[in-house]
Protein backbone atom coordinates (compact mmCIF):
# COMPACT_ATOMS: atom_id res chain seq x y z
CA MET A 1 -0.20 -0.17 0.06
CA GLY A 2 1.24 3.41 -0.62
CA ALA A 3 1.70 6.46 1.64
CA ASN A 4 -1.01 8.29 3.09
CA ILE A 5 -1.68 11.26 0.43
CA GLU A 6 -4.39 14.09 1.70
CA PRO A 7 -6.76 14.00 -1.50
CA ASN A 8 -6.72 17.32 -3.71
CA VAL A 9 -3.19 18.27 -2.18
CA SER A 10 -0.64 17.96 -4.60
CA PRO A 11 2.70 16.01 -2.89
CA ALA A 12 5.19 18.82 -4.79
CA ARG A 13 3.30 21.84 -2.84
CA THR A 14 5.35 22.85 0.35
CA LYS A 15 5.18 25.42 2.69
CA LEU A 16 7.76 27.41 0.49
CA SER A 17 7.24 25.63 -2.89
CA GLU A 18 4.63 28.42 -4.28
CA LEU A 19 7.10 30.99 -2.78
CA GLY A 20 10.29 29.27 -4.87
CA PHE A 21 8.27 29.11 -7.84
CA SER A 22 7.03 32.94 -7.89
CA LEU A 23 10.70 34.34 -6.99
CA ALA A 24 12.04 31.87 -9.80
CA ASP A 25 9.15 32.93 -12.49
CA SER A 26 9.78 36.82 -11.05
CA ALA A 27 13.37 36.89 -11.57
CA ARG A 28 13.00 35.10 -15.29
CA LEU A 29 10.46 37.82 -15.99
CA MET A 30 12.82 40.62 -14.83
CA ARG A 31 15.50 39.45 -16.55
CA ALA A 32 13.34 39.21 -19.79
CA ALA A 33 12.08 42.64 -19.50
CA PHE A 34 15.22 44.37 -18.77
CA GLY A 35 16.85 42.71 -21.76
CA ALA A 36 14.37 43.70 -24.01
CA ARG A 37 15.26 47.17 -22.93
CA MET A 38 19.00 46.67 -22.93
CA ARG A 39 18.57 45.78 -26.56
CA GLU A 40 17.94 49.46 -27.24
CA LEU A 41 21.53 49.61 -26.49
CA GLY A 42 22.41 47.21 -28.63
CA LEU A 43 22.98 44.50 -26.14
CA GLN A 44 22.00 40.97 -26.78
CA GLY A 45 20.45 38.52 -24.62
CA SER A 46 22.09 38.09 -21.52
CA ASN A 47 25.32 40.50 -22.48
CA TRP A 48 24.22 43.03 -19.91
CA ARG A 49 24.14 40.76 -16.85
CA LEU A 50 27.83 40.12 -17.75
CA LEU A 51 28.40 43.84 -18.12
CA ALA A 52 26.33 44.83 -14.68
CA HIS A 53 28.69 42.34 -12.84
CA LEU A 54 31.95 44.11 -14.34
CA HIS A 55 30.45 47.35 -13.37
CA ARG A 56 30.42 46.03 -9.49
CA GLN A 57 33.64 44.27 -9.96
CA ASP A 58 35.92 44.89 -12.96
CA GLY A 59 38.48 42.21 -13.85
CA LEU A 60 36.70 39.06 -13.01
CA SER A 61 37.69 35.97 -14.30
CA GLN A 62 35.75 34.12 -17.16
CA ALA A 63 35.40 30.91 -14.75
CA GLU A 64 34.14 33.54 -11.83
CA LEU A 65 31.57 35.01 -14.37
CA ALA A 66 30.27 31.76 -15.50
CA ARG A 67 29.71 31.02 -11.62
CA ARG A 68 27.93 34.06 -10.93
CA LEU A 69 25.72 34.16 -14.03
CA GLU A 70 24.99 30.39 -13.66
CA VAL A 71 26.10 29.74 -17.28
CA THR A 72 28.96 27.59 -18.65
CA ARG A 73 32.43 29.10 -19.08
CA ALA A 74 31.54 28.34 -22.80
CA GLY A 75 28.67 30.74 -22.59
CA VAL A 76 30.92 33.16 -20.81
CA GLY A 77 33.38 32.94 -23.75
CA LEU A 78 30.70 33.59 -26.02
CA MET A 79 28.98 36.56 -24.44
CA ALA A 80 32.71 37.70 -23.91
CA ARG A 81 33.69 37.37 -27.74
CA GLN A 82 30.43 39.35 -28.83
CA LEU A 83 31.07 42.11 -26.08
CA GLU A 84 34.47 42.60 -27.08
CA ALA A 85 33.66 42.82 -31.21
CA SER A 86 31.21 45.59 -29.94
CA GLY A 87 33.92 47.55 -28.04
CA HIS A 88 32.23 46.80 -24.78
CA ILE A 89 34.97 44.90 -22.89
CA GLU A 90 38.54 43.67 -23.28
CA ARG A 91 40.10 40.37 -22.50
CA ARG A 92 43.37 40.38 -20.98
CA LEU A 93 45.31 37.05 -19.67
CA ASP A 94 45.33 36.66 -15.99
CA PRO A 95 48.96 37.68 -14.91
CA GLY A 96 48.89 34.83 -12.17
CA ASP A 97 47.36 32.11 -14.57
CA GLY A 98 48.15 32.33 -18.09
CA ARG A 99 45.48 30.18 -19.09
CA SER A 100 42.82 32.32 -17.53
CA TRP A 101 41.06 35.23 -19.21
CA ARG A 102 39.63 38.34 -17.25
CA LEU A 103 37.44 40.52 -18.59
CA PHE A 104 37.69 44.57 -18.11
CA LEU A 105 35.11 47.28 -19.30
CA THR A 106 36.73 49.31 -22.07
CA ALA A 107 37.00 53.12 -20.94
CA ARG A 108 34.31 53.57 -23.81
CA THR A 109 31.76 51.85 -21.63
CA ARG A 110 33.22 53.01 -18.27
CA THR A 111 32.57 56.53 -19.51
CA GLN A 112 29.37 55.88 -21.68
CA HIS A 113 27.13 54.44 -19.01
CA ALA A 114 24.22 57.40 -18.85
CA PRO A 115 21.73 55.83 -21.19
CA LEU A 116 22.37 52.54 -19.23
CA LEU A 117 21.45 54.02 -16.10
CA ARG A 118 18.58 55.58 -17.46
CA ILE A 119 17.03 52.60 -18.63
CA MET A 120 18.03 51.01 -15.43
CA ARG A 121 16.24 53.75 -13.61
CA GLU A 122 13.08 54.08 -15.87
CA PHE A 123 12.84 50.00 -15.24
CA GLU A 124 13.15 50.41 -11.83
CA GLU A 125 10.29 53.25 -11.56
CA ASP A 126 7.86 51.00 -13.46
CA LEU A 127 8.30 47.87 -11.22
CA ALA A 128 8.41 50.23 -8.15
CA ALA A 129 4.83 51.68 -9.30
CA ALA A 130 3.19 48.25 -7.77
CA PHE A 131 4.98 49.05 -4.16
CA SER A 132 5.06 51.66 -1.62
CA ASP A 133 8.81 52.41 -0.13
CA ALA A 134 7.96 50.35 2.89
CA GLU A 135 6.65 47.37 0.89
CA ILE A 136 10.15 47.33 -1.25
CA GLU A 137 12.32 47.66 2.03
CA PHE A 138 10.13 44.55 3.73
CA LEU A 139 10.30 42.72 0.60
CA SER A 140 14.17 43.22 0.51
CA GLU A 141 14.40 42.45 4.00
CA LEU A 142 12.63 38.96 3.34
CA VAL A 143 14.39 37.92 0.67
CA GLU A 144 17.68 38.85 1.98
CA ARG A 145 16.70 36.34 5.09
CA LEU A 146 15.40 33.67 2.82
CA ARG A 147 19.11 33.62 1.19
CA ASP A 148 20.73 34.07 4.46
CA GLN A 149 18.65 30.80 5.42
CA ILE A 150 19.68 28.99 2.02
CA ALA A 151 22.97 29.44 2.53
CA LEU A 152 22.81 28.27 6.25
CA VAL A 153 21.12 25.14 5.45
CA ARG A 154 23.75 24.74 2.57
CA ALA A 155 26.69 25.12 5.00
CA ARG A 156 25.23 22.71 7.44
CA SER A 157 24.58 20.13 4.85
CA GLY A 158 28.49 20.38 3.40
CA ARG A 159 27.60 21.59 0.01
CA LYS A 160 30.05 23.96 -1.19
CA GLU A 161 28.57 27.64 -1.54
CA ASN A 162 28.15 29.12 -4.69
CA LEU A 163 26.39 32.60 -4.33
C-alpha cells in the first residue's frame, strides 16, 4: 500500500514551494523584460548581465563570471567575444594564470553609462509603481533573510556555497 496522501493536495506543494516558484518566475520575467530594454543599447541576450557584474567588480575571470551568471564557461566565452567585438569589454590574460582570461570594461563603456543608468532607473520606477517604499524595503529584507537561510542550510549540509 502507498503512503497516505491527503486528497486534493499535490505532494509537490510544500510550505515554501509556491514562494520558490514565484521568486524564480519573477526573476526570469525581470531578466527578460530588462533584457528587452537593454536591446535599445545594442546588448543582446544576457550580455547586459555580464556588464553589470563587471560594473560592480571589473577584472573578473571568465570562470568567476560563469559561476555568478550560472552559465557555462563556454557561454561566458561567447558573451565575451560578442562584447569584445562591440567594444564594450576587453579580455586580458590573467597575470597569475596564463591559461585564464580576465574581463575588463573598456574606457568607452565606463564613460558612456548614462543611457544604461537611464534605462535602469525607468525600469525600477515601472516595477516600484506596484509597491510603497516600505513594502519594497520589507520585501528586500525578507528575501535577504531567505537567501541567508538557504546559505546556512547549504553550509550545514556540507555543500559548497555558490552564491
